[in-house]
Amino acid sequence: MRSILASSAIFALIIALPCVSAESYSISGTATYSNSVPVEIGKIQVECEEFEYDCHTFRGMEATTDRKGEFTITLELDESYDGAEIFLALKGERFSHTIDLEESRSPPSGSVNHDIMLQQDSPPAPLFTGLACGGAVIAIAFIAALDRKPAPTITRSQQRTTSLEIVSCPICGEKTESYLLIRHLIVDHEVEPTEAAAIAEGLSEEE
């Protein structure tokens, strides 16, 4: 008889306990930089304060923004988590969010909206960075070209005067171009090459 009464008491106690069931809690929003540019493909992660024990169940859960910066994080929780504080971390910045089950149950969205705006500006686009680097290289090259001193120019008349300089052979007195004098001395007068070079050098020094 006693066992029957004990079993009945336990059954009645179980019936009397509130029914606790888990439900989905979705946080949706749009993440943007301070200059209103969407945060594309950014990882949003749930973080907790050290003593916020109700939050630790969700620590490390994450979602990734799409090309428009939109995201959705879905948590599985029950009534006991209502009012708990969690943080949404993105690119080194954290944003507080308080779980509000009543709002999440309200139609038509069935989720809680939480937009995120970072304090930092969006990074420059890769194309813009490449154009900037290319422009800097061109500017440096242009400045270097302006700073370069032009090489001295030689007129055609000067070239002609230099190449057609006429000298007299010291042996026969024949007129010949200066660059042909050594050949003339060696071939026509059979002068040794070293001596012919010395004679030609002496004539150039005299002039």
C-alpha atoms as a PDB file:
ATOM      1  CA  MET A   1       0.000   0.000   0.000  1.00  0.00           C
ATOM      2  CA  ARG A   2       2.800   2.374   0.891  1.00  0.00           C
ATOM      3  CA  SER A   3       4.592   1.691  -2.413  1.00  0.00           C
ATOM      4  CA  ILE A   4       1.423   2.495  -4.289  1.00  0.00           C
ATOM      5  CA  LEU A   5       1.060   5.788  -2.434  1.00  0.00           C
ATOM      6  CA  ALA A   6       4.740   6.678  -3.048  1.00  0.00           C
ATOM      7  CA  SER A   7       4.415   5.984  -6.768  1.00  0.00           C
ATOM      8  CA  SER A   8       1.271   8.087  -6.938  1.00  0.00           C
ATOM      9  CA  ALA A   9       3.012  10.977  -5.161  1.00  0.00           C
ATOM     10  CA  ILE A  10       5.976  10.900  -7.570  1.00  0.00           C
ATOM     11  CA  PHE A  11       3.621  10.818 -10.572  1.00  0.00           C
ATOM     12  CA  ALA A  12       1.650  13.736  -9.198  1.00  0.00           C
ATOM     13  CA  LEU A  13       4.881  15.700  -8.624  1.00  0.00           C
ATOM     14  CA  ILE A  14       5.988  15.131 -12.225  1.00  0.00           C
ATOM     15  CA  ILE A  15       2.601  16.298 -13.494  1.00  0.00           C
ATOM     16  CA  ALA A  16       2.814  19.389 -11.313  1.00  0.00           C
ATOM     17  CA  LEU A  17       6.250  20.434 -12.641  1.00  0.00           C
ATOM     18  CA  PRO A  18       6.124  23.041 -15.432  1.00  0.00           C
ATOM     19  CA  CYS A  19       6.712  21.650 -18.883  1.00  0.00           C
ATOM     20  CA  VAL A  20      10.006  23.098 -20.183  1.00  0.00           C
ATOM     21  CA  SER A  21      10.553  22.761 -23.923  1.00  0.00           C
ATOM     22  CA  ALA A  22      13.257  24.206 -26.143  1.00  0.00           C
ATOM     23  CA  GLU A  23      12.408  26.592 -28.969  1.00  0.00           C
ATOM     24  CA  SER A  24      14.313  28.337 -31.739  1.00  0.00           C
ATOM     25  CA  TYR A  25      15.362  31.925 -31.115  1.00  0.00           C
ATOM     26  CA  SER A  26      16.602  33.680 -34.267  1.00  0.00           C
ATOM     27  CA  ILE A  27      18.572  36.931 -34.321  1.00  0.00           C
ATOM     28  CA  SER A  28      18.538  38.538 -37.771  1.00  0.00           C
ATOM     29  CA  GLY A  29      20.016  41.794 -38.974  1.00  0.00           C
ATOM     30  CA  THR A  30      22.400  43.627 -41.259  1.00  0.00           C
ATOM     31  CA  ALA A  31      26.045  44.365 -40.469  1.00  0.00           C
ATOM     32  CA  THR A  32      27.557  47.543 -41.916  1.00  0.00           C
ATOM     33  CA  TYR A  33      30.702  49.626 -41.544  1.00  0.00           C
ATOM     34  CA  SER A  34      30.536  53.180 -40.194  1.00  0.00           C
ATOM     35  CA  ASN A  35      30.372  54.503 -43.774  1.00  0.00           C
ATOM     36  CA  SER A  36      27.253  52.349 -44.421  1.00  0.00           C
ATOM     37  CA  VAL A  37      29.085  49.770 -46.577  1.00  0.00           C
ATOM     38  CA  PRO A  38      27.813  46.199 -45.947  1.00  0.00           C
ATOM     39  CA  VAL A  39      30.188  43.819 -44.157  1.00  0.00           C
ATOM     40  CA  GLU A  40      30.545  41.068 -46.753  1.00  0.00           C
ATOM     41  CA  ILE A  41      31.381  37.505 -45.667  1.00  0.00           C
ATOM     42  CA  GLY A  42      32.055  38.546 -42.055  1.00  0.00           C
ATOM     43  CA  LYS A  43      32.000  36.034 -39.196  1.00  0.00           C
ATOM     44  CA  ILE A  44      29.679  36.968 -36.315  1.00  0.00           C
ATOM     45  CA  GLN A  45      30.310  34.951 -33.134  1.00  0.00           C
ATOM     46  CA  VAL A  46      28.456  34.719 -29.819  1.00  0.00           C
ATOM     47  CA  GLU A  47      30.539  35.759 -26.802  1.00  0.00           C
ATOM     48  CA  CYS A  48      29.700  36.024 -23.096  1.00  0.00           C
ATOM     49  CA  GLU A  49      30.671  37.999 -20.032  1.00  0.00           C
ATOM     50  CA  GLU A  50      32.602  35.897 -17.506  1.00  0.00           C
ATOM     51  CA  PHE A  51      29.777  35.688 -14.939  1.00  0.00           C
ATOM     52  CA  GLU A  52      26.841  35.558 -17.371  1.00  0.00           C
ATOM     53  CA  TYR A  53      26.329  31.821 -16.937  1.00  0.00           C
ATOM     54  CA  ASP A  54      23.062  31.702 -18.882  1.00  0.00           C
ATOM     55  CA  CYS A  55      25.020  32.773 -21.973  1.00  0.00           C
ATOM     56  CA  HIS A  56      27.767  30.167 -21.868  1.00  0.00           C
ATOM     57  CA  THR A  57      25.566  27.543 -23.525  1.00  0.00           C
ATOM     58  CA  PHE A  58      25.718  29.586 -26.736  1.00  0.00           C
ATOM     59  CA  ARG A  59      29.362  30.677 -26.545  1.00  0.00           C
ATOM     60  CA  GLY A  60      31.164  30.127 -29.870  1.00  0.00           C
ATOM     61  CA  MET A  61      28.057  29.812 -32.029  1.00  0.00           C
ATOM     62  CA  GLU A  62      28.517  31.802 -35.233  1.00  0.00           C
ATOM     63  CA  ALA A  63      27.044  32.938 -38.520  1.00  0.00           C
ATOM     64  CA  THR A  64      28.491  34.514 -41.671  1.00  0.00           C
ATOM     65  CA  THR A  65      27.120  37.613 -43.359  1.00  0.00           C
ATOM     66  CA  ASP A  66      26.208  37.479 -47.043  1.00  0.00           C
ATOM     67  CA  ARG A  67      27.123  39.946 -49.795  1.00  0.00           C
ATOM     68  CA  LYS A  68      24.525  42.398 -48.472  1.00  0.00           C
ATOM     69  CA  GLY A  69      25.798  42.120 -44.889  1.00  0.00           C
ATOM     70  CA  GLU A  70      22.697  40.210 -43.760  1.00  0.00           C
ATOM     71  CA  PHE A  71      22.974  37.431 -41.153  1.00  0.00           C
ATOM     72  CA  THR A  72      20.885  35.132 -38.953  1.00  0.00           C
ATOM     73  CA  ILE A  73      21.976  33.328 -35.785  1.00  0.00           C
ATOM     74  CA  THR A  74      19.560  30.694 -34.413  1.00  0.00           C
ATOM     75  CA  LEU A  75      19.773  29.547 -30.785  1.00  0.00           C
ATOM     76  CA  GLU A  76      17.895  26.671 -29.175  1.00  0.00           C
ATOM     77  CA  LEU A  77      16.714  27.754 -25.701  1.00  0.00           C
ATOM     78  CA  ASP A  78      13.852  27.658 -23.219  1.00  0.00           C
ATOM     79  CA  GLU A  79      12.075  30.074 -20.875  1.00  0.00           C
ATOM     80  CA  SER A  80      14.958  30.053 -18.394  1.00  0.00           C
ATOM     81  CA  TYR A  81      17.155  31.998 -20.849  1.00  0.00           C
ATOM     82  CA  ASP A  82      14.708  34.876 -21.265  1.00  0.00           C
ATOM     83  CA  GLY A  83      16.500  38.119 -20.347  1.00  0.00           C
ATOM     84  CA  ALA A  84      20.000  36.622 -20.593  1.00  0.00           C
ATOM     85  CA  GLU A  85      22.670  38.857 -22.146  1.00  0.00           C
ATOM     86  CA  ILE A  86      24.901  37.687 -24.982  1.00  0.00           C
ATOM     87  CA  PHE A  87      27.369  39.557 -27.199  1.00  0.00           C
ATOM     88  CA  LEU A  88      27.640  39.465 -30.975  1.00  0.00           C
ATOM     89  CA  ALA A  89      31.319  39.870 -31.937  1.00  0.00           C
ATOM     90  CA  LEU A  90      32.368  41.024 -35.401  1.00  0.00           C
ATOM     91  CA  LYS A  91      35.821  42.154 -36.577  1.00  0.00           C
ATOM     92  CA  GLY A  92      37.084  42.848 -33.058  1.00  0.00           C
ATOM     93  CA  GLU A  93      33.974  44.779 -31.924  1.00  0.00           C
ATOM     94  CA  ARG A  94      31.220  43.485 -29.585  1.00  0.00           C
ATOM     95  CA  PHE A  95      27.513  44.315 -29.459  1.00  0.00           C
ATOM     96  CA  SER A  96      25.243  43.462 -26.526  1.00  0.00           C
ATOM     97  CA  HIS A  97      21.992  41.581 -27.137  1.00  0.00           C
ATOM     98  CA  THR A  98      19.367  40.679 -24.521  1.00  0.00           C
ATOM     99  CA  ILE A  99      17.301  37.573 -25.263  1.00  0.00           C
ATOM    100  CA  ASP A 100      13.636  38.559 -25.584  1.00  0.00           C
ATOM    101  CA  LEU A 101      11.396  35.535 -26.116  1.00  0.00           C
ATOM    102  CA  GLU A 102       8.192  37.600 -26.281  1.00  0.00           C
ATOM    103  CA  GLU A 103       9.525  39.641 -29.191  1.00  0.00           C
ATOM    104  CA  SER A 104      10.760  36.553 -31.039  1.00  0.00           C
ATOM    105  CA  ARG A 105       7.303  34.973 -30.792  1.00  0.00           C
ATOM    106  CA  SER A 106       5.585  38.021 -32.236  1.00  0.00           C
ATOM    107  CA  PRO A 107       4.552  37.747 -35.902  1.00  0.00           C
ATOM    108  CA  PRO A 108       5.177  38.267 -38.702  1.00  0.00           C
ATOM    109  CA  SER A 109       8.969  37.699 -38.698  1.00  0.00           C
ATOM    110  CA  GLY A 110       9.257  35.130 -35.947  1.00  0.00           C
ATOM    111  CA  SER A 111      12.726  36.478 -35.158  1.00  0.00           C
ATOM    112  CA  VAL A 112      14.409  39.366 -33.343  1.00  0.00           C
ATOM    113  CA  ASN A 113      16.010  42.113 -35.393  1.00  0.00           C
ATOM    114  CA  HIS A 114      19.475  43.282 -34.370  1.00  0.00           C
ATOM    115  CA  ASP A 115      21.410  45.418 -36.842  1.00  0.00           C
ATOM    116  CA  ILE A 116      25.130  45.958 -36.303  1.00  0.00           C
ATOM    117  CA  MET A 117      27.117  49.060 -37.277  1.00  0.00           C
ATOM    118  CA  LEU A 118      30.882  48.899 -36.782  1.00  0.00           C
ATOM    119  CA  GLN A 119      32.895  51.914 -35.688  1.00  0.00           C
ATOM    120  CA  GLN A 120      35.540  51.181 -38.328  1.00  0.00           C
ATOM    121  CA  ASP A 121      35.349  52.198 -41.999  1.00  0.00           C
ATOM    122  CA  SER A 122      35.289  49.662 -44.784  1.00  0.00           C
ATOM    123  CA  PRO A 123      38.693  48.609 -46.191  1.00  0.00           C
ATOM    124  CA  PRO A 124      39.627  49.910 -49.666  1.00  0.00           C
ATOM    125  CA  ALA A 125      38.630  47.719 -52.587  1.00  0.00           C
ATOM    126  CA  PRO A 126      41.471  45.623 -54.150  1.00  0.00           C
ATOM    127  CA  LEU A 127      40.999  47.367 -57.518  1.00  0.00           C
ATOM    128  CA  PHE A 128      41.331  50.801 -55.923  1.00  0.00           C
ATOM    129  CA  THR A 129      44.451  49.680 -54.056  1.00  0.00           C
ATOM    130  CA  GLY A 130      46.014  48.396 -57.295  1.00  0.00           C
ATOM    131  CA  LEU A 131      45.245  51.628 -59.124  1.00  0.00           C
ATOM    132  CA  ALA A 132      46.719  53.666 -56.284  1.00  0.00           C
ATOM    133  CA  CYS A 133      49.944  51.625 -56.311  1.00  0.00           C
ATOM    134  CA  GLY A 134      50.191  51.885 -60.088  1.00  0.00           C
ATOM    135  CA  GLY A 135      49.644  55.638 -59.951  1.00  0.00           C
ATOM    136  CA  ALA A 136      52.392  56.001 -57.345  1.00  0.00           C
ATOM    137  CA  VAL A 137      54.865  54.063 -59.515  1.00  0.00           C
ATOM    138  CA  ILE A 138      54.035  56.212 -62.550  1.00  0.00           C
ATOM    139  CA  ALA A 139      54.423  59.407 -60.515  1.00  0.00           C
ATOM    140  CA  ILE A 140      57.843  58.319 -59.200  1.00  0.00           C
ATOM    141  CA  ALA A 141      59.014  57.424 -62.710  1.00  0.00           C
ATOM    142  CA  PHE A 142      57.793  60.784 -64.036  1.00  0.00           C
ATOM    143  CA  ILE A 143      59.624  62.724 -61.312  1.00  0.00           C
ATOM    144  CA  ALA A 144      62.803  60.733 -61.949  1.00  0.00           C
ATOM    145  CA  ALA A 145      62.564  61.507 -65.664  1.00  0.00           C
ATOM    146  CA  LEU A 146      62.229  65.235 -64.958  1.00  0.00           C
ATOM    147  CA  ASP A 147      65.204  65.171 -62.624  1.00  0.00           C
ATOM    148  CA  ARG A 148      67.432  63.372 -65.123  1.00  0.00           C
ATOM    149  CA  LYS A 149      69.892  65.713 -66.896  1.00  0.00           C
ATOM    150  CA  PRO A 150      69.748  65.476 -70.687  1.00  0.00           C
ATOM    151  CA  ALA A 151      72.819  64.064 -72.401  1.00  0.00           C
ATOM    152  CA  PRO A 152      74.834  66.602 -74.409  1.00  0.00           C
ATOM    153  CA  THR A 153      73.873  66.562 -78.062  1.00  0.00           C
ATOM    154  CA  ILE A 154      76.385  66.546 -80.928  1.00  0.00           C
ATOM    155  CA  THR A 155      75.343  68.199 -84.143  1.00  0.00           C
ATOM    156  CA  ARG A 156      75.919  66.559 -87.500  1.00  0.00           C
ATOM    157  CA  SER A 157      78.453  69.199 -88.428  1.00  0.00           C
ATOM    158  CA  GLN A 158      80.437  68.434 -85.276  1.00  0.00           C
ATOM    159  CA  GLN A 159      80.284  64.718 -86.031  1.00  0.00           C
ATOM    160  CA  ARG A 160      81.448  65.334 -89.580  1.00  0.00           C
ATOM    161  CA  THR A 161      84.345  67.545 -88.396  1.00  0.00           C
ATOM    162  CA  THR A 162      85.481  64.923 -85.888  1.00  0.00           C
ATOM    163  CA  SER A 163      85.280  61.972 -88.213  1.00  0.00           C
ATOM    164  CA  LEU A 164      86.854  63.716 -91.248  1.00  0.00           C
ATOM    165  CA  GLU A 165      89.803  65.452 -89.547  1.00  0.00           C
ATOM    166  CA  ILE A 166      92.621  65.672 -92.128  1.00  0.00           C
ATOM    167  CA  VAL A 167      96.303  65.320 -91.161  1.00  0.00           C
ATOM    168  CA  SER A 168      99.566  65.211 -93.107  1.00  0.00           C
ATOM    169  CA  CYS A 169     101.775  62.168 -93.094  1.00  0.00           C
ATOM    170  CA  PRO A 170     105.108  63.177 -91.466  1.00  0.00           C
ATOM    171  CA  ILE A 171     107.018  60.908 -93.890  1.00  0.00           C
ATOM    172  CA  CYS A 172     105.527  61.633 -97.283  1.00  0.00           C
ATOM    173  CA  GLY A 173     103.373  64.641 -96.578  1.00  0.00           C
ATOM    174  CA  GLU A 174     100.288  62.943 -98.014  1.00  0.00           C
ATOM    175  CA  LYS A 175      96.995  64.213 -96.692  1.00  0.00           C
ATOM    176  CA  THR A 176      94.840  61.575 -95.040  1.00  0.00           C
ATOM    177  CA  GLU A 177      92.064  61.329 -92.473  1.00  0.00           C
ATOM    178  CA  SER A 178      93.326  61.145 -88.900  1.00  0.00           C
ATOM    179  CA  TYR A 179      91.841  57.722 -88.139  1.00  0.00           C
ATOM    180  CA  LEU A 180      93.566  56.314 -91.279  1.00  0.00           C
ATOM    181  CA  LEU A 181      97.053  57.688 -90.516  1.00  0.00           C
ATOM    182  CA  ILE A 182      98.248  54.643 -88.528  1.00  0.00           C
ATOM    183  CA  ARG A 183      97.140  52.304 -91.305  1.00  0.00           C
ATOM    184  CA  HIS A 184      98.894  54.519 -93.875  1.00  0.00           C
ATOM    185  CA  LEU A 185     102.177  54.457 -91.930  1.00  0.00           C
ATOM    186  CA  ILE A 186     102.085  50.676 -91.486  1.00  0.00           C
ATOM    187  CA  VAL A 187     100.997  49.728 -95.026  1.00  0.00           C
ATOM    188  CA  ASP A 188     102.679  52.397 -97.159  1.00  0.00           C
ATOM    189  CA  HIS A 189     105.850  53.058 -95.121  1.00  0.00           C
ATOM    190  CA  GLU A 190     106.201  49.713 -93.288  1.00  0.00           C
ATOM    191  CA  VAL A 191     106.398  51.431 -89.896  1.00  0.00           C
ATOM    192  CA  GLU A 192     106.035  49.204 -86.826  1.00  0.00           C
ATOM    193  CA  PRO A 193     102.503  49.391 -85.346  1.00  0.00           C
ATOM    194  CA  THR A 194     103.669  50.761 -81.983  1.00  0.00           C
ATOM    195  CA  GLU A 195     105.786  53.430 -83.698  1.00  0.00           C
ATOM    196  CA  ALA A 196     102.938  54.318 -86.054  1.00  0.00           C
ATOM    197  CA  ALA A 197     100.622  54.759 -83.095  1.00  0.00           C
ATOM    198  CA  ALA A 198     103.165  56.987 -81.353  1.00  0.00           C
ATOM    199  CA  ILE A 199     103.576  59.141 -84.484  1.00  0.00           C
ATOM    200  CA  ALA A 200      99.789  59.537 -84.856  1.00  0.00           C
ATOM    201  CA  GLU A 201      99.444  60.422 -81.170  1.00  0.00           C
ATOM    202  CA  GLY A 202     102.169  63.004 -81.465  1.00  0.00           C
ATOM    203  CA  LEU A 203     100.438  64.671 -84.370  1.00  0.00           C
ATOM    204  CA  SER A 204      97.118  64.829 -82.454  1.00  0.00           C
ATOM    205  CA  GLU A 205      98.879  66.449 -79.491  1.00  0.00           C
ATOM    206  CA  GLU A 206     100.482  69.063 -81.718  1.00  0.00           C
ATOM    207  CA  GLU A 207      97.086  70.060 -83.029  1.00  0.00           C
END
